[in-house]
């Protein structure tokens, strides 16, 4: 991983604008409105936390290696009892 991840607040990384001479690290922690929209898309009751630590590393030719560690806290209904879990 690159040294210190840059806080990323958008929804897109412009790969063409990155330097191919080094790795690029990003930390993505979406705001409440974005988490709510993602929860709705996934059919979740709530998405309390979402975090991704991403590294883009130059590979052969014009390729990039994407590595990420994801973490999330979700609330959903149990499919057996329909209780919140």
Protein backbone atom coordinates (compact mmCIF):
# COMPACT_ATOMS: atom_id res chain seq x y z
CA UNK A 1 0.00 0.00 0.00
CA UNK A 2 1.07 3.57 -0.56
CA UNK A 3 2.06 5.43 2.58
CA UNK A 4 -0.83 7.64 3.73
CA UNK A 5 -4.23 7.30 2.04
CA UNK A 6 -5.84 10.41 0.61
CA UNK A 7 -9.38 11.05 1.85
CA UNK A 8 -11.68 10.45 -1.10
CA UNK A 9 -15.14 12.02 -1.12
CA UNK A 10 -16.26 11.61 -4.72
CA UNK A 11 -17.70 8.69 -6.62
CA UNK A 12 -15.07 8.41 -9.35
CA UNK A 13 -11.29 8.33 -9.70
CA UNK A 14 -9.92 9.58 -13.02
CA UNK A 15 -7.31 6.92 -13.76
CA UNK A 16 -5.91 8.87 -16.74
CA UNK A 17 -4.98 11.72 -14.39
CA UNK A 18 -2.89 9.50 -12.07
CA UNK A 19 0.88 9.29 -12.26
CA UNK A 20 1.93 5.83 -13.43
CA UNK A 21 5.21 6.23 -11.53
CA UNK A 22 3.74 5.39 -8.10
CA UNK A 23 0.89 3.78 -6.19
CA UNK A 24 -2.08 5.87 -5.08
CA UNK A 25 -3.95 5.17 -1.82
CA UNK A 26 -7.45 6.40 -1.00
CA UNK A 27 -9.74 6.19 2.00
CA UNK A 28 -13.47 6.29 1.21
CA UNK A 29 -16.02 6.77 4.01
CA UNK A 30 -19.29 7.96 2.46
CA UNK A 31 -21.57 10.40 4.28
CA UNK A 32 -24.95 9.45 5.78
CA UNK A 33 -26.94 10.36 2.66
CA UNK A 34 -24.72 8.21 0.43
CA UNK A 35 -24.88 5.29 2.89
CA UNK A 36 -28.67 5.60 2.98
CA UNK A 37 -28.85 5.48 -0.83
CA UNK A 38 -26.56 2.42 -0.95
CA UNK A 39 -28.65 0.71 1.75
CA UNK A 40 -31.81 1.32 -0.27
CA UNK A 41 -30.17 -0.09 -3.43
CA UNK A 42 -29.11 -3.21 -1.52
CA UNK A 43 -32.41 -3.69 0.31
CA UNK A 44 -30.86 -3.11 3.74
CA UNK A 45 -32.65 -1.51 6.68
CA UNK A 46 -29.58 0.53 7.49
CA UNK A 47 -25.93 0.90 6.53
CA UNK A 48 -24.39 2.35 9.68
CA UNK A 49 -20.77 2.38 8.56
CA UNK A 50 -18.97 1.88 5.27
CA UNK A 51 -15.26 2.22 4.69
CA UNK A 52 -12.91 1.27 1.88
CA UNK A 53 -9.15 1.64 1.87
CA UNK A 54 -8.12 1.43 -1.77
CA UNK A 55 -4.74 1.24 -3.47
CA UNK A 56 -4.21 1.65 -7.21
CA UNK A 57 -0.81 0.42 -8.38
CA UNK A 58 0.55 0.79 -11.91
CA UNK A 59 0.92 -2.55 -13.69
CA UNK A 60 2.10 -3.52 -17.17
CA UNK A 61 1.40 -1.20 -20.09
CA UNK A 62 -1.58 0.97 -19.15
CA UNK A 63 -3.08 -1.46 -16.62
CA UNK A 64 -3.69 -0.80 -12.93
CA UNK A 65 -3.94 -3.20 -9.99
CA UNK A 66 -6.90 -2.41 -7.71
CA UNK A 67 -6.65 -3.61 -4.09
CA UNK A 68 -9.16 -2.74 -1.38
CA UNK A 69 -10.05 -3.57 2.20
CA UNK A 70 -13.75 -3.07 2.92
CA UNK A 71 -15.61 -2.73 6.19
CA UNK A 72 -19.30 -2.21 6.84
CA UNK A 73 -21.91 -2.39 9.59
CA UNK A 74 -25.35 -3.28 8.23
CA UNK A 75 -28.83 -3.84 9.63
CA UNK A 76 -31.10 -6.25 7.80
CA UNK A 77 -34.06 -8.50 8.49
CA UNK A 78 -33.54 -12.17 9.34
CA UNK A 79 -35.04 -14.19 6.48
CA UNK A 80 -36.36 -16.81 8.91
CA UNK A 81 -37.98 -14.71 11.66
CA UNK A 82 -38.06 -11.30 9.91
CA UNK A 83 -36.43 -9.84 13.02
CA UNK A 84 -33.89 -7.04 12.70
CA UNK A 85 -30.31 -8.38 12.87
